[in-house]
Amino acid sequence: MIKVLFFARLQEEFGRESLDVESDGWTIEELKKWLSHEYHLSGLANTMSALNEEFTEDSAVLSSGDTIAFIPPVSGG
């Protein structure tokens, strides 16, 4: 089981802060595509990904017990 965490506007769009999914062996890119299709999350492809609290590339492979966080770009001033 993989724990998926959503932040900022993704959390608002999804309506929850987390989701548990069976995606062992998937890449982060594959998980993003599945989430975009399954839950109609817009802009997920443009988010930063942190795997087990370390920023990583979308080519990283997920393993059971991992936590993946999706952090959309933010602006402020």
Protein backbone atom coordinates (compact mmCIF):
# COMPACT_ATOMS: atom_id res chain seq x y z
CA MET A 1 0.00 0.00 0.00
CA ILE A 2 1.27 3.48 -0.92
CA LYS A 3 0.14 6.58 0.99
CA VAL A 4 -0.52 9.55 -1.31
CA LEU A 5 -0.55 13.04 0.24
CA PHE A 6 -2.10 16.06 -1.48
CA PHE A 7 -1.21 19.67 -0.70
CA ALA A 8 -2.63 23.13 -1.47
CA ARG A 9 -5.09 23.27 -4.38
CA LEU A 10 -4.80 19.51 -5.03
CA GLN A 11 -6.11 18.86 -1.53
CA GLU A 12 -9.00 21.24 -2.17
CA GLU A 13 -9.74 19.66 -5.55
CA PHE A 14 -9.55 16.09 -4.20
CA GLY A 15 -11.49 16.91 -1.04
CA ARG A 16 -9.17 14.97 1.24
CA GLU A 17 -5.56 15.23 2.30
CA SER A 18 -4.55 11.62 1.62
CA LEU A 19 -5.37 8.38 -0.16
CA ASP A 20 -4.02 4.84 0.14
CA VAL A 21 -3.51 3.00 -3.16
CA GLU A 22 -2.13 -0.31 -4.36
CA SER A 23 0.52 0.94 -6.78
CA ASP A 24 3.59 -1.07 -5.80
CA GLY A 25 6.00 -1.16 -8.74
CA TRP A 26 4.49 1.86 -10.51
CA THR A 27 6.51 4.94 -11.32
CA ILE A 28 5.40 8.28 -9.95
CA GLU A 29 4.49 9.28 -13.51
CA GLU A 30 2.20 6.24 -13.83
CA LEU A 31 0.57 7.08 -10.49
CA LYS A 32 0.01 10.70 -11.58
CA LYS A 33 -1.66 9.55 -14.82
CA TRP A 34 -3.88 7.09 -12.95
CA LEU A 35 -4.90 9.70 -10.34
CA SER A 36 -5.60 12.27 -13.06
CA HIS A 37 -7.84 9.82 -14.90
CA GLU A 38 -9.50 8.18 -11.89
CA TYR A 39 -10.13 11.33 -9.83
CA HIS A 40 -10.08 14.03 -12.53
CA LEU A 41 -7.29 15.99 -10.86
CA SER A 42 -6.17 18.82 -13.11
CA GLY A 43 -2.56 19.91 -13.30
CA LEU A 44 -1.14 16.91 -11.47
CA ALA A 45 1.52 16.53 -14.17
CA ASN A 46 2.99 19.91 -13.17
CA THR A 47 3.41 19.18 -9.47
CA MET A 48 6.59 18.44 -7.56
CA SER A 49 6.85 15.00 -6.03
CA ALA A 50 8.41 14.03 -2.72
CA LEU A 51 8.99 10.35 -2.06
CA ASN A 52 9.43 9.55 1.64
CA GLU A 53 10.06 13.26 2.36
CA GLU A 54 12.71 13.76 -0.37
CA PHE A 55 12.06 15.49 -3.68
CA THR A 56 12.38 13.09 -6.59
CA GLU A 57 11.81 12.63 -10.31
CA ASP A 58 8.66 11.13 -11.83
CA SER A 59 10.69 8.12 -12.99
CA ALA A 60 11.14 6.91 -9.38
CA VAL A 61 9.55 3.52 -8.67
CA LEU A 62 7.15 3.15 -5.75
CA SER A 63 7.31 0.34 -3.20
CA SER A 64 4.84 -0.83 -0.61
CA GLY A 65 5.08 1.34 2.50
CA ASP A 66 6.20 4.46 0.60
CA THR A 67 4.64 7.87 1.09
CA ILE A 68 4.37 10.11 -1.97
CA ALA A 69 3.46 13.78 -1.63
CA PHE A 70 2.26 15.96 -4.52
CA ILE A 71 3.06 19.63 -4.04
CA PRO A 72 1.69 22.04 -6.63
CA PRO A 73 3.49 25.28 -7.44
CA VAL A 74 2.47 28.17 -5.21
CA SER A 75 2.82 31.90 -5.56
CA GLY A 76 2.63 34.71 -3.13
CA GLY A 77 3.94 38.05 -2.40
